[in-house]
Amino acid sequence: MKVRGVRPEQRKGLQERSGGMCEICGYPGNNAHHRKNAGQGGNDDLSNLLLLCGSGTTGCHGYVTAPVKNYPLWPANPKRNGWSVWRSDIPYDIPVWYRGHWARLDDGGHVHLLKEEQVRNVLGHLQIERLRPDQAIQPGLAEGYGGQRRHSLRP
């Protein structure tokens, strides 16, 4: 079985978007996480990738992918925060809890911050409520987390 990795150009875009920091806690990131796994039809688009600290069993990457007794809300928590998505979801359309803010990730490597009222959970599936243009907030990168460890992962 061939193990596939994230293409170098996608990894570069991921590093640029995240500033090399974990997109959940703000510690240095070292692993690309697929919000929708390849086996579920996921791809290497930037909207489907998060740079996380740890490995598949440690750090934020472990928290999102490898359930242990210390995380009683798994798998609801990663899906409720958009860090993992359902097979039927399109990652581009699913909001993600990004460094303390709801956001939409696009395939160009941008983070679009969302208002709290734009995010809905419908039968376990996150959705972005479309706002009128005058209600939208400007796209931008969630800043201010440079190296600051944030252990309080949102439930």
N, C-alpha and C. Protein backbone atom coordinates (compact mmCIF):
# COMPACT_ATOMS: atom_id res chain seq x y z
N MET A 1 0.84 -1.19 0.00
CA MET A 1 0.00 0.00 0.00
C MET A 1 0.88 1.24 0.00
N LYS A 2 0.63 2.13 -0.90
CA LYS A 2 1.42 3.35 -1.01
C LYS A 2 0.88 4.39 -0.02
N VAL A 3 1.79 4.96 0.76
CA VAL A 3 1.41 6.04 1.68
C VAL A 3 1.55 7.34 0.93
N ARG A 4 0.48 8.09 0.87
CA ARG A 4 0.56 9.33 0.11
C ARG A 4 0.74 10.49 1.07
N GLY A 5 1.49 11.45 0.61
CA GLY A 5 1.72 12.64 1.43
C GLY A 5 1.19 13.87 0.74
N VAL A 6 1.18 14.96 1.48
CA VAL A 6 0.74 16.23 0.93
C VAL A 6 1.81 16.75 -0.03
N ARG A 7 1.39 17.19 -1.19
CA ARG A 7 2.32 17.70 -2.20
C ARG A 7 3.10 18.91 -1.66
N PRO A 8 4.35 19.08 -2.09
CA PRO A 8 5.18 20.18 -1.58
C PRO A 8 4.54 21.56 -1.74
N GLU A 9 3.86 21.81 -2.87
CA GLU A 9 3.25 23.14 -3.05
C GLU A 9 2.09 23.36 -2.08
N GLN A 10 1.36 22.29 -1.76
CA GLN A 10 0.28 22.40 -0.78
C GLN A 10 0.85 22.58 0.62
N ARG A 11 1.92 21.87 0.94
CA ARG A 11 2.56 22.00 2.24
C ARG A 11 3.09 23.43 2.42
N LYS A 12 3.63 24.02 1.35
CA LYS A 12 4.12 25.40 1.41
C LYS A 12 2.96 26.36 1.69
N GLY A 13 1.84 26.17 0.99
CA GLY A 13 0.66 27.01 1.24
C GLY A 13 0.13 26.86 2.65
N LEU A 14 0.18 25.65 3.17
CA LEU A 14 -0.26 25.38 4.54
C LEU A 14 0.65 26.09 5.55
N GLN A 15 1.96 26.04 5.30
CA GLN A 15 2.92 26.73 6.17
C GLN A 15 2.71 28.24 6.13
N GLU A 16 2.46 28.77 4.94
CA GLU A 16 2.24 30.22 4.82
C GLU A 16 0.97 30.65 5.54
N ARG A 17 -0.12 29.88 5.36
CA ARG A 17 -1.38 30.24 6.01
C ARG A 17 -1.25 30.20 7.53
N SER A 18 -0.58 29.18 8.04
CA SER A 18 -0.52 28.97 9.49
C SER A 18 0.64 29.70 10.16
N GLY A 19 1.58 30.20 9.36
CA GLY A 19 2.77 30.79 9.95
C GLY A 19 3.63 29.75 10.64
N GLY A 20 3.45 28.46 10.27
CA GLY A 20 4.21 27.39 10.88
C GLY A 20 3.71 26.97 12.25
N MET A 21 2.57 27.53 12.66
CA MET A 21 2.02 27.24 13.99
C MET A 21 0.79 26.36 13.89
N CYS A 22 0.58 25.54 14.91
CA CYS A 22 -0.60 24.68 14.97
C CYS A 22 -1.85 25.55 14.84
N GLU A 23 -2.75 25.13 13.98
CA GLU A 23 -3.94 25.94 13.71
C GLU A 23 -5.05 25.71 14.74
N ILE A 24 -4.74 24.94 15.78
CA ILE A 24 -5.67 24.81 16.91
C ILE A 24 -5.11 25.52 18.13
N CYS A 25 -3.89 25.16 18.55
CA CYS A 25 -3.38 25.68 19.83
C CYS A 25 -2.33 26.77 19.70
N GLY A 26 -1.69 26.92 18.55
CA GLY A 26 -0.70 27.98 18.38
C GLY A 26 0.73 27.55 18.64
N TYR A 27 0.97 26.29 19.04
CA TYR A 27 2.34 25.77 19.19
C TYR A 27 2.91 25.50 17.79
N PRO A 28 4.22 25.33 17.67
CA PRO A 28 4.77 25.00 16.35
C PRO A 28 4.10 23.76 15.76
N GLY A 29 3.67 23.88 14.51
CA GLY A 29 2.98 22.79 13.84
C GLY A 29 3.94 21.98 12.99
N ASN A 30 3.70 20.68 12.90
CA ASN A 30 4.60 19.82 12.15
C ASN A 30 3.89 18.75 11.33
N ASN A 31 2.56 18.69 11.36
CA ASN A 31 1.84 17.64 10.64
C ASN A 31 0.64 18.21 9.91
N ALA A 32 0.48 17.78 8.67
CA ALA A 32 -0.71 18.17 7.90
C ALA A 32 -1.83 17.19 8.24
N HIS A 33 -2.96 17.71 8.63
CA HIS A 33 -4.13 16.89 8.97
C HIS A 33 -5.20 17.10 7.91
N HIS A 34 -5.74 16.01 7.39
CA HIS A 34 -6.84 16.08 6.43
C HIS A 34 -8.15 16.12 7.20
N ARG A 35 -8.91 17.17 7.04
CA ARG A 35 -10.22 17.27 7.70
C ARG A 35 -11.14 16.17 7.20
N LYS A 36 -11.06 15.88 5.92
CA LYS A 36 -11.79 14.77 5.31
C LYS A 36 -10.74 13.82 4.75
N ASN A 37 -10.65 12.63 5.31
CA ASN A 37 -9.62 11.67 4.93
C ASN A 37 -9.74 11.25 3.47
N ALA A 38 -8.61 10.84 2.91
CA ALA A 38 -8.59 10.39 1.52
C ALA A 38 -9.55 9.22 1.31
N GLY A 39 -9.65 8.33 2.27
CA GLY A 39 -10.55 7.20 2.16
C GLY A 39 -12.02 7.60 2.14
N GLN A 40 -12.30 8.84 2.53
CA GLN A 40 -13.67 9.37 2.50
C GLN A 40 -13.89 10.27 1.29
N GLY A 41 -12.88 10.35 0.42
CA GLY A 41 -12.99 11.21 -0.75
C GLY A 41 -12.32 12.56 -0.58
N GLY A 42 -11.54 12.73 0.50
CA GLY A 42 -10.84 13.99 0.75
C GLY A 42 -9.64 14.15 -0.17
N ASN A 43 -9.18 15.38 -0.32
CA ASN A 43 -8.05 15.68 -1.19
C ASN A 43 -7.05 16.57 -0.47
N ASP A 44 -6.08 17.11 -1.19
CA ASP A 44 -5.05 17.96 -0.60
C ASP A 44 -5.31 19.44 -0.80
N ASP A 45 -6.56 19.84 -1.06
CA ASP A 45 -6.88 21.26 -1.16
C ASP A 45 -6.66 21.90 0.20
N LEU A 46 -6.24 23.16 0.21
CA LEU A 46 -5.96 23.84 1.48
C LEU A 46 -7.18 23.95 2.39
N SER A 47 -8.37 23.97 1.82
CA SER A 47 -9.58 24.02 2.65
C SER A 47 -9.77 22.71 3.42
N ASN A 48 -9.10 21.64 2.98
CA ASN A 48 -9.22 20.34 3.62
C ASN A 48 -8.05 20.05 4.56
N LEU A 49 -7.09 20.95 4.66
CA LEU A 49 -5.89 20.70 5.46
C LEU A 49 -5.79 21.65 6.64
N LEU A 50 -5.26 21.13 7.75
CA LEU A 50 -4.89 21.93 8.91
C LEU A 50 -3.47 21.56 9.29
N LEU A 51 -2.65 22.53 9.65
CA LEU A 51 -1.33 22.24 10.19
C LEU A 51 -1.50 22.09 11.70
N LEU A 52 -1.12 20.93 12.22
CA LEU A 52 -1.31 20.66 13.64
C LEU A 52 0.00 20.26 14.30
N CYS A 53 0.09 20.44 15.60
CA CYS A 53 1.24 19.97 16.36
C CYS A 53 1.04 18.50 16.69
N GLY A 54 2.12 17.81 16.99
CA GLY A 54 2.05 16.41 17.37
C GLY A 54 2.01 15.49 16.18
N SER A 55 1.68 14.24 16.47
CA SER A 55 1.57 13.23 15.43
C SER A 55 0.14 12.71 15.46
N GLY A 56 -0.10 11.59 14.80
CA GLY A 56 -1.44 11.01 14.82
C GLY A 56 -1.86 10.50 16.18
N THR A 57 -0.92 10.49 17.15
CA THR A 57 -1.26 10.01 18.50
C THR A 57 -0.90 11.00 19.60
N THR A 58 -0.25 12.11 19.26
CA THR A 58 0.14 13.10 20.28
C THR A 58 -0.31 14.50 19.86
N GLY A 59 -0.24 15.43 20.77
CA GLY A 59 -0.57 16.83 20.49
C GLY A 59 -1.97 17.00 19.95
N CYS A 60 -2.20 18.11 19.28
CA CYS A 60 -3.52 18.38 18.70
C CYS A 60 -3.87 17.37 17.61
N HIS A 61 -2.86 16.91 16.84
CA HIS A 61 -3.14 15.91 15.81
C HIS A 61 -3.67 14.63 16.44
N GLY A 62 -3.09 14.23 17.57
CA GLY A 62 -3.57 13.06 18.27
C GLY A 62 -4.96 13.27 18.83
N TYR A 63 -5.21 14.48 19.36
CA TYR A 63 -6.53 14.78 19.91
C TYR A 63 -7.61 14.67 18.84
N VAL A 64 -7.30 15.13 17.65
CA VAL A 64 -8.29 15.14 16.57
C VAL A 64 -8.48 13.75 15.96
N THR A 65 -7.42 12.94 15.92
CA THR A 65 -7.50 11.68 15.18
C THR A 65 -7.49 10.40 16.01
N ALA A 66 -6.93 10.41 17.19
CA ALA A 66 -6.80 9.17 17.96
C ALA A 66 -7.52 9.29 19.30
N PRO A 67 -8.72 8.74 19.40
CA PRO A 67 -9.47 8.87 20.65
C PRO A 67 -8.80 8.12 21.80
N VAL A 68 -8.82 8.75 22.97
CA VAL A 68 -8.36 8.12 24.20
C VAL A 68 -9.37 8.44 25.29
N LYS A 69 -9.25 7.77 26.42
CA LYS A 69 -10.21 7.95 27.51
C LYS A 69 -10.28 9.40 28.00
N ASN A 70 -9.20 10.15 27.83
CA ASN A 70 -9.18 11.54 28.32
C ASN A 70 -10.03 12.49 27.48
N TYR A 71 -10.51 12.03 26.34
CA TYR A 71 -11.31 12.87 25.47
C TYR A 71 -12.70 12.27 25.34
N PRO A 72 -13.54 12.41 26.36
CA PRO A 72 -14.83 11.73 26.36
C PRO A 72 -15.79 12.19 25.27
N LEU A 73 -15.55 13.34 24.67
CA LEU A 73 -16.47 13.83 23.65
C LEU A 73 -16.09 13.40 22.24
N TRP A 74 -15.00 12.67 22.10
CA TRP A 74 -14.59 12.23 20.77
C TRP A 74 -15.60 11.22 20.25
N PRO A 75 -16.01 11.20 18.97
CA PRO A 75 -15.56 12.05 17.88
C PRO A 75 -16.38 13.31 17.71
N ALA A 76 -17.35 13.54 18.59
CA ALA A 76 -18.20 14.72 18.43
C ALA A 76 -17.39 16.00 18.47
N ASN A 77 -16.41 16.09 19.35
CA ASN A 77 -15.67 17.33 19.49
C ASN A 77 -14.93 17.73 18.21
N PRO A 78 -14.10 16.87 17.59
CA PRO A 78 -13.44 17.28 16.35
C PRO A 78 -14.42 17.65 15.24
N LYS A 79 -15.51 16.95 15.14
CA LYS A 79 -16.50 17.29 14.10
C LYS A 79 -17.26 18.55 14.48
N ARG A 80 -17.56 18.73 15.76
CA ARG A 80 -18.29 19.91 16.20
C ARG A 80 -17.45 21.18 16.01
N ASN A 81 -16.13 21.03 15.96
CA ASN A 81 -15.24 22.16 15.75
C ASN A 81 -14.74 22.28 14.31
N GLY A 82 -15.17 21.38 13.43
CA GLY A 82 -14.78 21.44 12.03
C GLY A 82 -13.38 20.93 11.75
N TRP A 83 -12.69 20.37 12.76
CA TRP A 83 -11.34 19.86 12.54
C TRP A 83 -11.38 18.57 11.75
N SER A 84 -12.47 17.84 11.84
CA SER A 84 -12.75 16.68 11.00
C SER A 84 -14.16 16.89 10.45
N VAL A 85 -14.41 16.38 9.27
CA VAL A 85 -15.73 16.56 8.67
C VAL A 85 -16.28 15.20 8.26
N TRP A 86 -17.58 15.15 8.06
CA TRP A 86 -18.24 13.93 7.64
C TRP A 86 -17.94 13.64 6.17
N ARG A 87 -18.07 12.37 5.80
CA ARG A 87 -17.84 11.93 4.42
C ARG A 87 -18.68 12.74 3.42
N SER A 88 -19.89 13.09 3.81
CA SER A 88 -20.80 13.80 2.90
C SER A 88 -20.52 15.31 2.84
N ASP A 89 -19.64 15.82 3.70
CA ASP A 89 -19.35 17.26 3.75
C ASP A 89 -18.30 17.66 2.72
N ILE A 90 -18.36 18.91 2.30
CA ILE A 90 -17.33 19.52 1.46
C ILE A 90 -16.55 20.46 2.37
N PRO A 91 -15.27 20.19 2.67
CA PRO A 91 -14.52 20.97 3.65
C PRO A 91 -14.58 22.49 3.43
N TYR A 92 -14.57 22.92 2.17
CA TYR A 92 -14.62 24.35 1.86
C TYR A 92 -15.86 25.01 2.47
N ASP A 93 -16.97 24.25 2.57
CA ASP A 93 -18.23 24.80 3.07
C ASP A 93 -18.43 24.61 4.56
N ILE A 94 -17.49 23.97 5.24
CA ILE A 94 -17.65 23.66 6.66
C ILE A 94 -16.79 24.61 7.49
N PRO A 95 -17.40 25.33 8.44
CA PRO A 95 -16.61 26.22 9.29
C PRO A 95 -15.67 25.42 10.20
N VAL A 96 -14.61 26.06 10.62
CA VAL A 96 -13.63 25.41 11.50
C VAL A 96 -13.33 26.36 12.66
N TRP A 97 -13.19 25.80 13.87
CA TRP A 97 -12.78 26.61 15.03
C TRP A 97 -11.28 26.80 14.90
N TYR A 98 -10.86 28.02 14.53
CA TYR A 98 -9.49 28.32 14.14
C TYR A 98 -8.89 29.31 15.12
N ARG A 99 -8.04 28.82 16.02
CA ARG A 99 -7.34 29.68 16.96
C ARG A 99 -8.26 30.63 17.71
N GLY A 100 -9.38 30.11 18.16
CA GLY A 100 -10.28 30.91 18.98
C GLY A 100 -11.37 31.64 18.23
N HIS A 101 -11.50 31.37 16.92
CA HIS A 101 -12.52 32.04 16.10
C HIS A 101 -13.13 31.05 15.13
N TRP A 102 -14.38 31.24 14.78
CA TRP A 102 -14.96 30.47 13.68
C TRP A 102 -14.45 31.06 12.38
N ALA A 103 -14.10 30.19 11.44
CA ALA A 103 -13.55 30.66 10.17
C ALA A 103 -13.91 29.67 9.07
N ARG A 104 -13.78 30.15 7.84
CA ARG A 104 -13.87 29.30 6.66
C ARG A 104 -12.50 29.33 6.00
N LEU A 105 -11.98 28.16 5.67
CA LEU A 105 -10.70 28.06 4.99
C LEU A 105 -10.96 27.93 3.50
N ASP A 106 -10.22 28.68 2.69
CA ASP A 106 -10.41 28.54 1.24
C ASP A 106 -9.19 27.84 0.63
N ASP A 107 -9.29 27.54 -0.65
CA ASP A 107 -8.22 26.81 -1.32
C ASP A 107 -7.06 27.70 -1.73
N GLY A 108 -7.20 29.01 -1.54
CA GLY A 108 -6.12 29.93 -1.84
C GLY A 108 -5.22 30.20 -0.64
N GLY A 109 -5.48 29.52 0.47
CA GLY A 109 -4.66 29.70 1.67
C GLY A 109 -5.10 30.83 2.56
N HIS A 110 -6.36 31.27 2.43
CA HIS A 110 -6.87 32.35 3.26
C HIS A 110 -7.78 31.83 4.36
N VAL A 111 -7.82 32.58 5.45
CA VAL A 111 -8.71 32.29 6.57
C VAL A 111 -9.74 33.41 6.61
N HIS A 112 -11.01 33.06 6.44
CA HIS A 112 -12.09 34.04 6.46
C HIS A 112 -12.82 33.92 7.79
N LEU A 113 -12.66 34.92 8.64
CA LEU A 113 -13.31 34.88 9.94
C LEU A 113 -14.81 35.01 9.78
N LEU A 114 -15.55 34.30 10.62
CA LEU A 114 -17.01 34.30 10.57
C LEU A 114 -17.57 34.86 11.86
N LYS A 115 -18.76 35.40 11.77
CA LYS A 115 -19.48 35.81 12.97
C LYS A 115 -20.11 34.58 13.61
N GLU A 116 -20.24 34.59 14.91
CA GLU A 116 -20.81 33.45 15.65
C GLU A 116 -22.17 33.05 15.09
N GLU A 117 -22.99 34.04 14.72
CA GLU A 117 -24.34 33.74 14.23
C GLU A 117 -24.34 33.12 12.83
N GLN A 118 -23.20 33.10 12.16
CA GLN A 118 -23.11 32.47 10.84
C GLN A 118 -22.94 30.95 10.93
N VAL A 119 -22.55 30.46 12.09
CA VAL A 119 -22.24 29.04 12.23
C VAL A 119 -23.43 28.31 12.84
N ARG A 120 -23.88 27.28 12.14
CA ARG A 120 -25.01 26.48 12.61
C ARG A 120 -24.63 25.01 12.66
N ASN A 121 -25.20 24.29 13.62
CA ASN A 121 -25.02 22.85 13.70
C ASN A 121 -26.37 22.23 13.41
N VAL A 122 -26.50 21.61 12.26
CA VAL A 122 -27.76 21.01 11.85
C VAL A 122 -27.58 19.49 11.83
N LEU A 123 -28.19 18.83 12.77
CA LEU A 123 -28.12 17.37 12.88
C LEU A 123 -26.67 16.87 12.87
N GLY A 124 -25.80 17.55 13.59
CA GLY A 124 -24.41 17.13 13.69
C GLY A 124 -23.51 17.61 12.58
N HIS A 125 -24.06 18.33 11.61
CA HIS A 125 -23.26 18.87 10.50
C HIS A 125 -23.16 20.38 10.64
N LEU A 126 -21.92 20.89 10.67
CA LEU A 126 -21.71 22.33 10.74
C LEU A 126 -22.06 22.96 9.39
N GLN A 127 -22.63 24.15 9.45
CA GLN A 127 -22.96 24.89 8.23
C GLN A 127 -22.63 26.36 8.44
N ILE A 128 -22.36 27.04 7.33
CA ILE A 128 -22.14 28.49 7.36
C ILE A 128 -23.41 29.14 6.85
N GLU A 129 -24.00 29.96 7.68
CA GLU A 129 -25.20 30.72 7.31
C GLU A 129 -24.76 31.88 6.43
N ARG A 130 -25.36 32.03 5.29
CA ARG A 130 -24.99 33.12 4.37
C ARG A 130 -25.56 34.43 4.90
N LEU A 131 -24.71 35.44 5.00
CA LEU A 131 -25.13 36.77 5.45
C LEU A 131 -25.20 37.71 4.25
N ARG A 132 -25.98 38.76 4.41
CA ARG A 132 -26.00 39.80 3.38
C ARG A 132 -24.62 40.46 3.33
N PRO A 133 -24.23 41.03 2.21
CA PRO A 133 -22.90 41.66 2.09
C PRO A 133 -22.63 42.70 3.17
N ASP A 134 -23.65 43.44 3.61
CA ASP A 134 -23.41 44.46 4.62
C ASP A 134 -23.19 43.87 6.01
N GLN A 135 -23.49 42.58 6.20
CA GLN A 135 -23.27 41.93 7.49
C GLN A 135 -21.94 41.20 7.56
N ALA A 136 -21.32 40.94 6.42
CA ALA A 136 -20.09 40.14 6.39
C ALA A 136 -18.93 40.91 7.02
N ILE A 137 -18.03 40.16 7.65
CA ILE A 137 -16.82 40.78 8.16
C ILE A 137 -15.71 40.53 7.16
N GLN A 138 -14.69 41.34 7.22
CA GLN A 138 -13.61 41.26 6.25
C GLN A 138 -12.82 39.97 6.41
N PRO A 139 -12.38 39.36 5.31
CA PRO A 139 -11.52 38.19 5.42
C PRO A 139 -10.19 38.59 6.02
N GLY A 140 -9.60 37.69 6.75
CA GLY A 140 -8.30 37.97 7.33
C GLY A 140 -7.79 36.77 8.09
N LEU A 141 -6.56 36.85 8.53
CA LEU A 141 -5.95 35.77 9.26
C LEU A 141 -6.14 36.01 10.75
N ALA A 142 -6.56 35.00 11.46
CA ALA A 142 -6.67 35.10 12.91
C ALA A 142 -5.25 35.24 13.47
N GLU A 143 -4.94 36.38 14.04
CA GLU A 143 -3.58 36.66 14.48
C GLU A 143 -3.50 36.70 16.00
N GLY A 144 -2.28 36.87 16.49
CA GLY A 144 -2.09 37.06 17.91
C GLY A 144 -1.86 35.78 18.69
N TYR A 145 -1.45 34.72 18.00
CA TYR A 145 -1.25 33.46 18.70
C TYR A 145 0.19 32.98 18.59
N GLY A 146 1.11 33.86 18.18
CA GLY A 146 2.48 33.48 17.92
C GLY A 146 3.15 32.71 19.05
N GLY A 147 3.13 31.40 18.96
CA GLY A 147 3.83 30.57 19.91
C GLY A 147 3.12 30.42 21.25
N GLN A 148 2.00 31.04 21.41
CA GLN A 148 1.28 31.00 22.69
C GLN A 148 0.52 29.68 22.79
N ARG A 149 0.81 28.90 23.80
CA ARG A 149 0.13 27.59 23.94
C ARG A 149 -1.27 27.81 24.45
N ARG A 150 -2.23 27.19 23.82
CA ARG A 150 -3.63 27.28 24.22
C ARG A 150 -4.14 25.87 24.46
N HIS A 151 -4.20 25.47 25.72
CA HIS A 151 -4.64 24.11 26.02
C HIS A 151 -6.14 23.99 26.10
N SER A 152 -6.83 25.09 26.26
CA SER A 152 -8.27 24.99 26.44
C SER A 152 -8.96 24.83 25.09
N LEU A 153 -8.98 23.60 24.59
CA LEU A 153 -9.65 23.31 23.34
C LEU A 153 -11.14 23.45 23.55
N ARG A 154 -11.79 24.10 22.64
CA ARG A 154 -13.21 24.41 22.79
C ARG A 154 -14.04 23.14 22.78
N PRO A 155 -14.91 22.95 23.78
CA PRO A 155 -15.74 21.74 23.80
C PRO A 155 -16.83 21.79 22.76
